[in-house]
Amino acid sequence: MTIRVLLADDQALLRGTFRMLFDSAEDMETVGEASDGREAVELADALRPDVVLMDIRMPETDGLAATRVISESEDLAGVKVLILTTFEDDEHVAEALRAGASGFLGKGVRPEVLLDAVRTVAAGEALLSPMATRALISRFLAQPELCPAVVQERLEYLTPRERDVMCLVALGLSNEEIAEKLFVSPLTAKTHVNRAMTKLAARDRAQLVVMAYQSGLVSPAVEASRPER
């Protein structure tokens, strides 16, 4: 299956570079380019891409506002947003996830990492750069008032295994890595992830990550214990 990508960045040179990268991949194609958030929303509605590669800082409507519109539209439920920006601070990471982004990367990533990121997001999984993950952890632990009681209540409906899986998702592990750590098949790991998402009413893995930190289920001590990949 070919992954259809929409580019949203106000710099034409960068859009041209990304277009060449994606069009050179056998499993991807660039279906459109937007120079601001408003145009990104319009093209997402018209073209229905699988993934929108979205910059944050753009004129008029910025990338975060555009992401929010796309993620809240029932008609665009199948469109995933991957944020690619130079701003990997805690404020932008948190706002991007709240807006509904499925991934967050810095523009300094290698081309092959970006291609894999698009594939990951297109497959319905969340993806955060290591720097973005640290920023997210720092923000939620520094502001415990952001933890909603409703998340705590819903956690009671998770089985012990689903809680374990949720922790591993929050640490950035893929289904394959979760399966290896828990000695189960990747399909079983995916099933546990999907059940946790359903019980918590999480729209995607990115929101599951946010809920893990909001609820206090994951802490810096847990994050630091993650084995090297």
N, C-alpha and C. Protein backbone atom coordinates (compact mmCIF):
# COMPACT_ATOMS: atom_id res chain seq x y z
N MET A 1 0.83 -1.19 0.00
CA MET A 1 0.00 0.00 0.00
C MET A 1 0.88 1.25 0.00
N THR A 2 0.54 2.20 -0.84
CA THR A 2 1.29 3.45 -0.92
C THR A 2 0.78 4.45 0.11
N ILE A 3 1.69 5.01 0.89
CA ILE A 3 1.33 6.01 1.90
C ILE A 3 1.29 7.38 1.24
N ARG A 4 0.14 8.04 1.33
CA ARG A 4 -0.05 9.34 0.70
C ARG A 4 0.25 10.45 1.70
N VAL A 5 1.21 11.32 1.36
CA VAL A 5 1.69 12.34 2.30
C VAL A 5 1.37 13.74 1.80
N LEU A 6 0.87 14.57 2.72
CA LEU A 6 0.63 15.99 2.44
C LEU A 6 1.67 16.79 3.21
N LEU A 7 2.37 17.72 2.55
CA LEU A 7 3.41 18.53 3.17
C LEU A 7 2.85 19.90 3.55
N ALA A 8 3.09 20.31 4.80
CA ALA A 8 2.63 21.63 5.25
C ALA A 8 3.81 22.36 5.90
N ASP A 9 4.39 23.29 5.17
CA ASP A 9 5.54 24.06 5.65
C ASP A 9 5.59 25.36 4.85
N ASP A 10 5.91 26.47 5.51
CA ASP A 10 5.91 27.74 4.79
C ASP A 10 7.18 27.97 3.97
N GLN A 11 8.15 27.07 4.06
CA GLN A 11 9.38 27.20 3.30
C GLN A 11 9.34 26.29 2.07
N ALA A 12 9.30 26.88 0.91
CA ALA A 12 9.18 26.12 -0.34
C ALA A 12 10.36 25.18 -0.54
N LEU A 13 11.55 25.62 -0.15
CA LEU A 13 12.73 24.79 -0.32
C LEU A 13 12.62 23.49 0.48
N LEU A 14 12.13 23.61 1.72
CA LEU A 14 11.97 22.41 2.54
C LEU A 14 10.90 21.50 1.96
N ARG A 15 9.81 22.08 1.49
CA ARG A 15 8.76 21.25 0.89
C ARG A 15 9.31 20.49 -0.30
N GLY A 16 10.13 21.16 -1.11
CA GLY A 16 10.71 20.51 -2.27
C GLY A 16 11.64 19.38 -1.88
N THR A 17 12.40 19.59 -0.81
CA THR A 17 13.31 18.56 -0.32
C THR A 17 12.54 17.35 0.20
N PHE A 18 11.48 17.61 0.97
CA PHE A 18 10.66 16.52 1.50
C PHE A 18 9.96 15.76 0.37
N ARG A 19 9.50 16.50 -0.63
CA ARG A 19 8.82 15.85 -1.76
C ARG A 19 9.75 14.86 -2.45
N MET A 20 10.99 15.28 -2.69
CA MET A 20 11.95 14.38 -3.33
C MET A 20 12.22 13.16 -2.47
N LEU A 21 12.30 13.36 -1.16
CA LEU A 21 12.56 12.24 -0.25
C LEU A 21 11.42 11.24 -0.27
N PHE A 22 10.19 11.72 -0.12
CA PHE A 22 9.05 10.81 -0.07
C PHE A 22 8.78 10.15 -1.42
N ASP A 23 8.93 10.91 -2.48
CA ASP A 23 8.67 10.34 -3.81
C ASP A 23 9.73 9.33 -4.22
N SER A 24 10.88 9.37 -3.56
CA SER A 24 11.94 8.40 -3.86
C SER A 24 11.71 7.08 -3.13
N ALA A 25 10.84 7.10 -2.13
CA ALA A 25 10.53 5.87 -1.39
C ALA A 25 9.48 5.07 -2.17
N GLU A 26 9.66 3.77 -2.25
CA GLU A 26 8.78 2.92 -3.04
C GLU A 26 7.36 2.88 -2.48
N ASP A 27 7.22 3.09 -1.17
CA ASP A 27 5.90 2.94 -0.54
C ASP A 27 5.25 4.28 -0.20
N MET A 28 5.74 5.39 -0.78
CA MET A 28 5.18 6.70 -0.47
C MET A 28 5.02 7.57 -1.70
N GLU A 29 4.14 8.55 -1.59
CA GLU A 29 4.01 9.56 -2.62
C GLU A 29 3.50 10.86 -2.00
N THR A 30 3.97 11.99 -2.50
CA THR A 30 3.51 13.29 -2.05
C THR A 30 2.29 13.69 -2.86
N VAL A 31 1.18 13.94 -2.17
CA VAL A 31 -0.06 14.25 -2.89
C VAL A 31 -0.38 15.74 -2.91
N GLY A 32 0.33 16.54 -2.11
CA GLY A 32 0.05 17.97 -2.11
C GLY A 32 0.99 18.74 -1.20
N GLU A 33 1.01 20.06 -1.36
CA GLU A 33 1.84 20.94 -0.54
C GLU A 33 1.02 22.13 -0.07
N ALA A 34 1.19 22.48 1.20
CA ALA A 34 0.51 23.64 1.78
C ALA A 34 1.54 24.57 2.40
N SER A 35 1.33 25.86 2.26
CA SER A 35 2.28 26.84 2.78
C SER A 35 1.85 27.44 4.11
N ASP A 36 0.64 27.08 4.58
CA ASP A 36 0.18 27.53 5.90
C ASP A 36 -0.87 26.56 6.42
N GLY A 37 -1.28 26.76 7.68
CA GLY A 37 -2.21 25.85 8.29
C GLY A 37 -3.58 25.80 7.64
N ARG A 38 -4.08 26.95 7.23
CA ARG A 38 -5.40 26.99 6.59
C ARG A 38 -5.41 26.16 5.33
N GLU A 39 -4.38 26.31 4.52
CA GLU A 39 -4.28 25.54 3.28
C GLU A 39 -4.10 24.06 3.58
N ALA A 40 -3.40 23.73 4.66
CA ALA A 40 -3.20 22.34 5.05
C ALA A 40 -4.53 21.67 5.35
N VAL A 41 -5.40 22.38 6.06
CA VAL A 41 -6.73 21.84 6.39
C VAL A 41 -7.54 21.64 5.12
N GLU A 42 -7.51 22.63 4.24
CA GLU A 42 -8.28 22.55 2.99
C GLU A 42 -7.81 21.38 2.13
N LEU A 43 -6.49 21.21 2.01
CA LEU A 43 -5.96 20.13 1.20
C LEU A 43 -6.18 18.76 1.84
N ALA A 44 -6.13 18.72 3.17
CA ALA A 44 -6.41 17.46 3.87
C ALA A 44 -7.84 17.01 3.59
N ASP A 45 -8.75 17.97 3.56
CA ASP A 45 -10.15 17.66 3.29
C ASP A 45 -10.35 17.24 1.84
N ALA A 46 -9.62 17.88 0.93
CA ALA A 46 -9.78 17.59 -0.49
C ALA A 46 -9.06 16.32 -0.93
N LEU A 47 -7.86 16.08 -0.37
CA LEU A 47 -7.02 14.99 -0.84
C LEU A 47 -7.06 13.74 0.03
N ARG A 48 -7.48 13.89 1.29
CA ARG A 48 -7.53 12.79 2.24
C ARG A 48 -6.22 11.99 2.28
N PRO A 49 -5.11 12.62 2.62
CA PRO A 49 -3.83 11.91 2.70
C PRO A 49 -3.82 10.98 3.91
N ASP A 50 -2.87 10.07 3.93
CA ASP A 50 -2.72 9.20 5.09
C ASP A 50 -2.01 9.95 6.22
N VAL A 51 -1.03 10.77 5.85
CA VAL A 51 -0.24 11.50 6.84
C VAL A 51 -0.02 12.94 6.37
N VAL A 52 -0.18 13.88 7.29
CA VAL A 52 0.16 15.27 7.03
C VAL A 52 1.45 15.56 7.79
N LEU A 53 2.50 15.94 7.08
CA LEU A 53 3.75 16.35 7.72
C LEU A 53 3.63 17.84 8.00
N MET A 54 3.47 18.19 9.27
CA MET A 54 3.06 19.54 9.65
C MET A 54 4.14 20.30 10.41
N ASP A 55 4.46 21.52 9.92
CA ASP A 55 5.33 22.42 10.67
C ASP A 55 4.47 23.17 11.68
N ILE A 56 5.09 23.71 12.74
CA ILE A 56 4.33 24.47 13.73
C ILE A 56 4.22 25.94 13.35
N ARG A 57 5.36 26.58 13.12
CA ARG A 57 5.38 28.01 12.83
C ARG A 57 5.08 28.28 11.36
N MET A 58 3.86 28.71 11.09
CA MET A 58 3.46 29.09 9.74
C MET A 58 2.59 30.33 9.82
N PRO A 59 2.54 31.14 8.77
CA PRO A 59 1.73 32.37 8.79
C PRO A 59 0.24 32.07 8.88
N GLU A 60 -0.52 33.07 9.33
CA GLU A 60 -1.96 32.96 9.50
C GLU A 60 -2.29 31.82 10.47
N THR A 61 -2.83 30.72 9.98
CA THR A 61 -3.14 29.58 10.83
C THR A 61 -1.89 28.73 11.04
N ASP A 62 -1.47 28.54 12.31
CA ASP A 62 -0.25 27.77 12.53
C ASP A 62 -0.53 26.27 12.51
N GLY A 63 0.53 25.47 12.63
CA GLY A 63 0.40 24.03 12.52
C GLY A 63 -0.39 23.39 13.64
N LEU A 64 -0.32 23.95 14.84
CA LEU A 64 -1.07 23.38 15.96
C LEU A 64 -2.58 23.57 15.78
N ALA A 65 -2.96 24.76 15.34
CA ALA A 65 -4.38 25.03 15.09
C ALA A 65 -4.90 24.14 13.96
N ALA A 66 -4.10 23.98 12.92
CA ALA A 66 -4.50 23.14 11.79
C ALA A 66 -4.62 21.68 12.22
N THR A 67 -3.70 21.23 13.06
CA THR A 67 -3.75 19.86 13.57
C THR A 67 -5.02 19.63 14.36
N ARG A 68 -5.39 20.61 15.16
CA ARG A 68 -6.60 20.48 15.98
C ARG A 68 -7.85 20.36 15.10
N VAL A 69 -7.92 21.15 14.05
CA VAL A 69 -9.07 21.10 13.15
C VAL A 69 -9.15 19.73 12.46
N ILE A 70 -8.01 19.24 12.00
CA ILE A 70 -7.98 17.96 11.31
C ILE A 70 -8.37 16.81 12.25
N SER A 71 -7.81 16.81 13.45
CA SER A 71 -8.06 15.70 14.38
C SER A 71 -9.49 15.70 14.91
N GLU A 72 -10.12 16.86 14.96
CA GLU A 72 -11.48 16.95 15.49
C GLU A 72 -12.55 16.72 14.41
N SER A 73 -12.14 16.63 13.16
CA SER A 73 -13.10 16.42 12.08
C SER A 73 -13.40 14.93 11.90
N GLU A 74 -14.65 14.56 12.00
CA GLU A 74 -15.04 13.17 11.80
C GLU A 74 -14.75 12.71 10.38
N ASP A 75 -14.87 13.62 9.44
CA ASP A 75 -14.62 13.28 8.04
C ASP A 75 -13.15 12.97 7.78
N LEU A 76 -12.26 13.49 8.64
CA LEU A 76 -10.82 13.29 8.45
C LEU A 76 -10.24 12.33 9.49
N ALA A 77 -11.07 11.43 9.98
CA ALA A 77 -10.64 10.51 11.03
C ALA A 77 -9.45 9.65 10.62
N GLY A 78 -9.32 9.38 9.34
CA GLY A 78 -8.22 8.53 8.87
C GLY A 78 -6.94 9.27 8.58
N VAL A 79 -6.96 10.59 8.74
CA VAL A 79 -5.77 11.41 8.45
C VAL A 79 -4.95 11.59 9.72
N LYS A 80 -3.67 11.19 9.68
CA LYS A 80 -2.78 11.32 10.82
C LYS A 80 -1.86 12.52 10.61
N VAL A 81 -1.48 13.17 11.70
CA VAL A 81 -0.59 14.34 11.63
C VAL A 81 0.73 14.03 12.32
N LEU A 82 1.82 14.26 11.61
CA LEU A 82 3.16 14.13 12.16
C LEU A 82 3.79 15.52 12.19
N ILE A 83 4.05 16.02 13.39
CA ILE A 83 4.66 17.34 13.55
C ILE A 83 6.16 17.24 13.34
N LEU A 84 6.71 18.07 12.46
CA LEU A 84 8.15 18.13 12.23
C LEU A 84 8.56 19.59 12.40
N THR A 85 9.33 19.87 13.46
CA THR A 85 9.61 21.26 13.79
C THR A 85 10.97 21.41 14.45
N THR A 86 11.44 22.64 14.51
CA THR A 86 12.69 22.93 15.23
C THR A 86 12.42 23.20 16.70
N PHE A 87 11.14 23.29 17.09
CA PHE A 87 10.77 23.64 18.45
C PHE A 87 10.34 22.40 19.23
N GLU A 88 11.30 21.75 19.90
CA GLU A 88 11.00 20.54 20.66
C GLU A 88 10.91 20.81 22.16
N ASP A 89 10.37 21.96 22.54
CA ASP A 89 10.23 22.27 23.96
C ASP A 89 8.94 21.68 24.50
N ASP A 90 8.81 21.67 25.84
CA ASP A 90 7.68 21.00 26.47
C ASP A 90 6.34 21.60 26.09
N GLU A 91 6.28 22.91 25.93
CA GLU A 91 5.02 23.57 25.58
C GLU A 91 4.50 23.10 24.22
N HIS A 92 5.38 23.08 23.23
CA HIS A 92 4.96 22.68 21.89
C HIS A 92 4.62 21.19 21.82
N VAL A 93 5.39 20.35 22.51
CA VAL A 93 5.09 18.92 22.52
C VAL A 93 3.72 18.66 23.13
N ALA A 94 3.46 19.24 24.29
CA ALA A 94 2.19 19.04 24.98
C ALA A 94 1.03 19.56 24.13
N GLU A 95 1.18 20.75 23.56
CA GLU A 95 0.11 21.33 22.75
C GLU A 95 -0.14 20.50 21.50
N ALA A 96 0.91 19.97 20.90
CA ALA A 96 0.76 19.15 19.69
C ALA A 96 -0.03 17.88 19.99
N LEU A 97 0.26 17.23 21.11
CA LEU A 97 -0.45 16.01 21.47
C LEU A 97 -1.89 16.30 21.84
N ARG A 98 -2.10 17.41 22.55
CA ARG A 98 -3.49 17.78 22.88
C ARG A 98 -4.28 18.12 21.62
N ALA A 99 -3.59 18.65 20.63
CA ALA A 99 -4.26 19.01 19.38
C ALA A 99 -4.60 17.77 18.56
N GLY A 100 -3.99 16.64 18.89
CA GLY A 100 -4.31 15.40 18.19
C GLY A 100 -3.22 14.86 17.31
N ALA A 101 -2.01 15.42 17.38
CA ALA A 101 -0.91 14.91 16.57
C ALA A 101 -0.55 13.49 16.99
N SER A 102 -0.17 12.67 16.02
CA SER A 102 0.21 11.29 16.31
C SER A 102 1.72 11.13 16.43
N GLY A 103 2.46 12.18 16.10
CA GLY A 103 3.91 12.09 16.18
C GLY A 103 4.53 13.46 16.28
N PHE A 104 5.77 13.50 16.80
CA PHE A 104 6.46 14.77 17.00
C PHE A 104 7.96 14.53 16.83
N LEU A 105 8.56 15.16 15.82
CA LEU A 105 9.98 15.00 15.55
C LEU A 105 10.64 16.36 15.33
N GLY A 106 11.95 16.41 15.58
CA GLY A 106 12.72 17.61 15.29
C GLY A 106 13.22 17.57 13.85
N LYS A 107 13.44 18.72 13.27
CA LYS A 107 13.86 18.78 11.86
C LYS A 107 15.29 18.31 11.65
N GLY A 108 16.00 18.01 12.73
CA GLY A 108 17.36 17.53 12.59
C GLY A 108 17.47 16.03 12.38
N VAL A 109 16.34 15.33 12.26
CA VAL A 109 16.39 13.88 12.11
C VAL A 109 16.95 13.48 10.75
N ARG A 110 17.52 12.29 10.69
CA ARG A 110 18.05 11.77 9.43
C ARG A 110 16.90 11.39 8.50
N PRO A 111 17.12 11.43 7.18
CA PRO A 111 16.05 11.10 6.23
C PRO A 111 15.41 9.74 6.47
N GLU A 112 16.22 8.73 6.78
CA GLU A 112 15.65 7.40 6.98
C GLU A 112 14.79 7.35 8.24
N VAL A 113 15.13 8.16 9.24
CA VAL A 113 14.32 8.22 10.46
C VAL A 113 12.97 8.86 10.16
N LEU A 114 12.98 9.90 9.33
CA LEU A 114 11.73 10.56 8.96
C LEU A 114 10.83 9.61 8.16
N LEU A 115 11.41 8.87 7.24
CA LEU A 115 10.62 7.92 6.45
C LEU A 115 9.99 6.86 7.36
N ASP A 116 10.76 6.34 8.29
CA ASP A 116 10.23 5.34 9.23
C ASP A 116 9.15 5.95 10.11
N ALA A 117 9.32 7.23 10.47
CA ALA A 117 8.33 7.90 11.31
C ALA A 117 7.00 8.01 10.58
N VAL A 118 7.03 8.35 9.31
CA VAL A 118 5.80 8.45 8.52
C VAL A 118 5.13 7.08 8.44
N ARG A 119 5.91 6.03 8.26
CA ARG A 119 5.35 4.68 8.21
C ARG A 119 4.71 4.31 9.55
N THR A 120 5.36 4.67 10.63
CA THR A 120 4.84 4.36 11.97
C THR A 120 3.52 5.07 12.22
N VAL A 121 3.46 6.35 11.92
CA VAL A 121 2.25 7.13 12.13
C VAL A 121 1.13 6.65 11.21
N ALA A 122 1.46 6.34 9.96
CA ALA A 122 0.46 5.85 9.02
C ALA A 122 -0.15 4.53 9.48
N ALA A 123 0.64 3.74 10.23
CA ALA A 123 0.16 2.45 10.73
C ALA A 123 -0.69 2.60 11.98
N GLY A 124 -0.85 3.84 12.46
CA GLY A 124 -1.71 4.08 13.61
C GLY A 124 -1.00 4.09 14.94
N GLU A 125 0.33 4.14 14.92
CA GLU A 125 1.08 4.18 16.16
C GLU A 125 1.60 5.59 16.41
N ALA A 126 1.89 5.87 17.68
CA ALA A 126 2.41 7.19 18.06
C ALA A 126 3.93 7.17 17.99
N LEU A 127 4.50 8.35 17.79
CA LEU A 127 5.94 8.45 17.71
C LEU A 127 6.39 9.80 18.26
N LEU A 128 7.33 9.76 19.21
CA LEU A 128 7.92 10.97 19.76
C LEU A 128 9.43 10.85 19.73
N SER A 129 10.11 11.92 19.39
CA SER A 129 11.56 11.92 19.44
C SER A 129 11.99 11.82 20.90
N PRO A 130 13.21 11.33 21.18
CA PRO A 130 13.68 11.25 22.57
C PRO A 130 13.61 12.59 23.28
N MET A 131 13.97 13.68 22.59
CA MET A 131 13.93 15.00 23.20
C MET A 131 12.50 15.40 23.52
N ALA A 132 11.59 15.10 22.61
CA ALA A 132 10.19 15.44 22.84
C ALA A 132 9.62 14.64 24.00
N THR A 133 10.01 13.38 24.12
CA THR A 133 9.55 12.56 25.23
C THR A 133 10.01 13.13 26.56
N ARG A 134 11.29 13.52 26.64
CA ARG A 134 11.81 14.12 27.87
C ARG A 134 11.08 15.40 28.21
N ALA A 135 10.79 16.21 27.18
CA ALA A 135 10.08 17.47 27.41
C ALA A 135 8.67 17.21 27.93
N LEU A 136 8.02 16.19 27.38
CA LEU A 136 6.66 15.85 27.80
C LEU A 136 6.64 15.38 29.25
N ILE A 137 7.59 14.51 29.60
CA ILE A 137 7.69 14.02 30.97
C ILE A 137 7.89 15.18 31.93
N SER A 138 8.83 16.05 31.59
CA SER A 138 9.15 17.19 32.44
C SER A 138 7.94 18.07 32.67
N ARG A 139 7.18 18.32 31.62
CA ARG A 139 6.03 19.22 31.73
C ARG A 139 4.95 18.65 32.64
N PHE A 140 4.58 17.40 32.44
CA PHE A 140 3.48 16.85 33.20
C PHE A 140 3.83 16.62 34.66
N LEU A 141 5.10 16.29 34.93
CA LEU A 141 5.48 16.09 36.32
C LEU A 141 5.69 17.40 37.06
N ALA A 142 6.02 18.44 36.32
CA ALA A 142 6.20 19.75 36.93
C ALA A 142 4.86 20.42 37.20
N GLN A 143 3.80 19.94 36.53
CA GLN A 143 2.47 20.54 36.69
C GLN A 143 1.45 19.45 36.99
N PRO A 144 1.48 18.87 38.19
CA PRO A 144 0.57 17.78 38.54
C PRO A 144 -0.90 18.15 38.46
N GLU A 145 -1.20 19.45 38.45
CA GLU A 145 -2.60 19.84 38.37
C GLU A 145 -3.21 19.50 37.01
N LEU A 146 -2.39 19.12 36.05
CA LEU A 146 -2.90 18.75 34.74
C LEU A 146 -3.49 17.34 34.72
N CYS A 147 -3.35 16.59 35.82
CA CYS A 147 -3.83 15.21 35.86
C CYS A 147 -5.33 15.18 36.14
N PRO A 148 -6.16 14.85 35.16
CA PRO A 148 -7.60 14.85 35.36
C PRO A 148 -8.07 13.62 36.14
N ALA A 149 -9.04 13.81 37.02
CA ALA A 149 -9.56 12.71 37.84
C ALA A 149 -10.17 11.62 36.98
N VAL A 150 -10.71 12.01 35.82
CA VAL A 150 -11.38 11.02 34.98
C VAL A 150 -10.40 9.97 34.49
N VAL A 151 -9.15 10.33 34.26
CA VAL A 151 -8.16 9.36 33.82
C VAL A 151 -7.90 8.35 34.93
N GLN A 152 -7.78 8.84 36.17
CA GLN A 152 -7.57 7.96 37.31
C GLN A 152 -8.72 6.97 37.45
N GLU A 153 -9.92 7.44 37.25
CA GLU A 153 -11.08 6.56 37.38
C GLU A 153 -11.08 5.48 36.31
N ARG A 154 -10.76 5.87 35.10
CA ARG A 154 -10.77 4.90 34.00
C ARG A 154 -9.66 3.88 34.12
N LEU A 155 -8.56 4.25 34.78
CA LEU A 155 -7.46 3.30 34.97
C LEU A 155 -7.91 2.08 35.75
N GLU A 156 -8.93 2.23 36.57
CA GLU A 156 -9.42 1.11 37.37
C GLU A 156 -9.98 -0.01 36.50
N TYR A 157 -10.35 0.31 35.28
CA TYR A 157 -10.93 -0.69 34.39
C TYR A 157 -9.86 -1.48 33.62
N LEU A 158 -8.61 -1.06 33.73
CA LEU A 158 -7.53 -1.75 33.03
C LEU A 158 -7.08 -2.98 33.82
N THR A 159 -6.75 -4.04 33.10
CA THR A 159 -6.16 -5.21 33.75
C THR A 159 -4.70 -4.90 34.08
N PRO A 160 -4.07 -5.68 34.97
CA PRO A 160 -2.66 -5.46 35.27
C PRO A 160 -1.78 -5.50 34.01
N ARG A 161 -2.08 -6.39 33.10
CA ARG A 161 -1.29 -6.48 31.88
C ARG A 161 -1.49 -5.24 31.01
N GLU A 162 -2.72 -4.75 30.94
CA GLU A 162 -2.99 -3.54 30.16
C GLU A 162 -2.28 -2.33 30.74
N ARG A 163 -2.16 -2.29 32.07
CA ARG A 163 -1.41 -1.21 32.71
C ARG A 163 0.07 -1.31 32.36
N ASP A 164 0.59 -2.54 32.36
CA ASP A 164 1.99 -2.75 32.00
C ASP A 164 2.25 -2.27 30.57
N VAL A 165 1.33 -2.64 29.69
CA VAL A 165 1.47 -2.26 28.28
C VAL A 165 1.39 -0.75 28.11
N MET A 166 0.48 -0.12 28.85
CA MET A 166 0.34 1.33 28.78
C MET A 166 1.64 2.02 29.21
N CYS A 167 2.28 1.50 30.26
CA CYS A 167 3.56 2.05 30.71
C CYS A 167 4.61 1.95 29.60
N LEU A 168 4.66 0.80 28.94
CA LEU A 168 5.66 0.58 27.91
C LEU A 168 5.39 1.46 26.68
N VAL A 169 4.12 1.67 26.37
CA VAL A 169 3.76 2.59 25.29
C VAL A 169 4.25 3.99 25.63
N ALA A 170 4.06 4.39 26.89
CA ALA A 170 4.46 5.73 27.34
C ALA A 170 5.97 5.91 27.28
N LEU A 171 6.71 4.82 27.36
CA LEU A 171 8.16 4.89 27.27
C LEU A 171 8.65 4.86 25.82
N GLY A 172 7.71 4.79 24.87
CA GLY A 172 8.06 4.87 23.46
C GLY A 172 8.30 3.54 22.78
N LEU A 173 7.98 2.43 23.43
CA LEU A 173 8.22 1.13 22.82
C LEU A 173 7.18 0.82 21.75
N SER A 174 7.61 0.16 20.69
CA SER A 174 6.71 -0.27 19.62
C SER A 174 6.02 -1.56 20.05
N ASN A 175 5.05 -2.03 19.27
CA ASN A 175 4.38 -3.28 19.59
C ASN A 175 5.37 -4.44 19.63
N GLU A 176 6.33 -4.43 18.70
CA GLU A 176 7.32 -5.50 18.65
C GLU A 176 8.20 -5.50 19.90
N GLU A 177 8.58 -4.31 20.34
CA GLU A 177 9.42 -4.20 21.55
C GLU A 177 8.64 -4.59 22.79
N ILE A 178 7.37 -4.22 22.84
CA ILE A 178 6.52 -4.59 23.97
C ILE A 178 6.38 -6.12 24.01
N ALA A 179 6.16 -6.71 22.84
CA ALA A 179 6.02 -8.17 22.76
C ALA A 179 7.27 -8.87 23.26
N GLU A 180 8.42 -8.36 22.87
CA GLU A 180 9.68 -8.97 23.30
C GLU A 180 9.87 -8.85 24.81
N LYS A 181 9.52 -7.70 25.36
CA LYS A 181 9.71 -7.47 26.80
C LYS A 181 8.75 -8.31 27.64
N LEU A 182 7.53 -8.51 27.14
CA LEU A 182 6.51 -9.24 27.91
C LEU A 182 6.40 -10.71 27.49
N PHE A 183 7.23 -11.13 26.54
CA PHE A 183 7.24 -12.52 26.07
C PHE A 183 5.89 -12.95 25.50
N VAL A 184 5.32 -12.07 24.67
CA VAL A 184 4.08 -12.38 23.97
C VAL A 184 4.29 -12.08 22.48
N SER A 185 3.30 -12.39 21.67
CA SER A 185 3.41 -12.10 20.25
C SER A 185 3.11 -10.62 19.99
N PRO A 186 3.62 -10.05 18.88
CA PRO A 186 3.30 -8.66 18.54
C PRO A 186 1.79 -8.44 18.41
N LEU A 187 1.06 -9.45 17.91
CA LEU A 187 -0.39 -9.32 17.77
C LEU A 187 -1.06 -9.20 19.14
N THR A 188 -0.57 -10.00 20.10
CA THR A 188 -1.12 -9.93 21.45
C THR A 188 -0.82 -8.58 22.08
N ALA A 189 0.40 -8.09 21.87
CA ALA A 189 0.76 -6.77 22.39
C ALA A 189 -0.14 -5.70 21.81
N LYS A 190 -0.38 -5.77 20.50
CA LYS A 190 -1.24 -4.79 19.84
C LYS A 190 -2.66 -4.85 20.39
N THR A 191 -3.13 -6.07 20.67
CA THR A 191 -4.48 -6.24 21.23
C THR A 191 -4.59 -5.58 22.59
N HIS A 192 -3.57 -5.76 23.44
CA HIS A 192 -3.58 -5.13 24.76
C HIS A 192 -3.58 -3.60 24.64
N VAL A 193 -2.78 -3.09 23.71
CA VAL A 193 -2.72 -1.64 23.49
C VAL A 193 -4.09 -1.12 23.06
N ASN A 194 -4.71 -1.81 22.12
CA ASN A 194 -6.01 -1.37 21.61
C ASN A 194 -7.09 -1.42 22.70
N ARG A 195 -7.03 -2.44 23.54
CA ARG A 195 -8.01 -2.54 24.61
C ARG A 195 -7.83 -1.42 25.63
N ALA A 196 -6.58 -1.08 25.93
CA ALA A 196 -6.32 0.02 26.86
C ALA A 196 -6.83 1.33 26.27
N MET A 197 -6.59 1.54 24.98
CA MET A 197 -7.05 2.75 24.32
C MET A 197 -8.57 2.84 24.36
N THR A 198 -9.24 1.71 24.13
CA THR A 198 -10.70 1.69 24.12
C THR A 198 -11.26 2.01 25.50
N LYS A 199 -10.70 1.39 26.54
CA LYS A 199 -11.19 1.60 27.89
C LYS A 199 -10.95 3.03 28.38
N LEU A 200 -9.87 3.65 27.90
CA LEU A 200 -9.55 5.01 28.32
C LEU A 200 -10.09 6.07 27.36
N ALA A 201 -10.75 5.60 26.29
CA ALA A 201 -11.29 6.50 25.26
C ALA A 201 -10.17 7.35 24.66
N ALA A 202 -9.00 6.75 24.49
CA ALA A 202 -7.86 7.44 23.87
C ALA A 202 -7.97 7.32 22.36
N ARG A 203 -7.83 8.44 21.64
CA ARG A 203 -8.02 8.40 20.19
C ARG A 203 -6.86 7.73 19.47
N ASP A 204 -5.66 7.74 20.09
CA ASP A 204 -4.50 7.09 19.48
C ASP A 204 -3.44 6.86 20.55
N ARG A 205 -2.30 6.30 20.14
CA ARG A 205 -1.24 5.98 21.09
C ARG A 205 -0.65 7.24 21.73
N ALA A 206 -0.63 8.32 20.98
CA ALA A 206 -0.08 9.56 21.52
C ALA A 206 -0.89 10.01 22.74
N GLN A 207 -2.21 9.92 22.64
CA GLN A 207 -3.04 10.32 23.78
C GLN A 207 -2.89 9.33 24.92
N LEU A 208 -2.61 8.08 24.61
CA LEU A 208 -2.37 7.08 25.65
C LEU A 208 -1.11 7.46 26.44
N VAL A 209 -0.10 7.97 25.73
CA VAL A 209 1.13 8.44 26.38
C VAL A 209 0.81 9.58 27.34
N VAL A 210 0.04 10.55 26.86
CA VAL A 210 -0.33 11.69 27.69
C VAL A 210 -1.04 11.23 28.95
N MET A 211 -1.99 10.30 28.80
CA MET A 211 -2.76 9.82 29.95
C MET A 211 -1.88 9.10 30.95
N ALA A 212 -0.87 8.39 30.45
CA ALA A 212 0.03 7.66 31.36
C ALA A 212 0.75 8.62 32.29
N TYR A 213 1.17 9.78 31.76
CA TYR A 213 1.85 10.77 32.59
C TYR A 213 0.86 11.59 33.41
N GLN A 214 -0.29 11.89 32.84
CA GLN A 214 -1.30 12.64 33.57
C GLN A 214 -1.74 11.89 34.83
N SER A 215 -1.86 10.58 34.72
CA SER A 215 -2.35 9.76 35.82
C SER A 215 -1.28 9.43 36.84
N GLY A 216 -0.02 9.67 36.49
CA GLY A 216 1.07 9.30 37.38
C GLY A 216 1.48 7.85 37.24
N LEU A 217 0.93 7.15 36.23
CA LEU A 217 1.25 5.75 36.02
C LEU A 217 2.72 5.57 35.64
N VAL A 218 3.27 6.58 34.97
CA VAL A 218 4.68 6.56 34.57
C VAL A 218 5.38 7.74 35.22
N SER A 219 6.59 7.51 35.70
CA SER A 219 7.37 8.56 36.37
C SER A 219 8.76 8.61 35.77
N PRO A 220 9.55 9.64 36.08
CA PRO A 220 10.91 9.74 35.56
C PRO A 220 11.76 8.54 35.93
N ALA A 221 11.53 7.98 37.11
CA ALA A 221 12.32 6.83 37.55
C ALA A 221 12.08 5.64 36.63
N VAL A 222 10.80 5.47 36.21
CA VAL A 222 10.48 4.39 35.28
C VAL A 222 11.10 4.66 33.93
N GLU A 223 10.99 5.93 33.48
CA GLU A 223 11.52 6.29 32.17
C GLU A 223 13.02 6.07 32.11
N ALA A 224 13.71 6.37 33.21
CA ALA A 224 15.15 6.24 33.21
C ALA A 224 15.60 4.80 33.19
N SER A 225 14.69 3.87 33.61
CA SER A 225 15.06 2.47 33.67
C SER A 225 14.89 1.76 32.36
N ARG A 226 14.38 2.44 31.35
CA ARG A 226 14.17 1.82 30.05
C ARG A 226 15.49 1.35 29.47
N PRO A 227 15.58 0.10 29.02
CA PRO A 227 16.83 -0.41 28.46
C PRO A 227 17.20 0.29 27.18
N GLU A 228 18.49 0.32 26.88
CA GLU A 228 18.95 0.94 25.64
C GLU A 228 18.44 0.16 24.44
N ARG A 229 18.07 0.87 23.41
CA ARG A 229 17.52 0.20 22.21
C ARG A 229 18.62 0.05 21.19
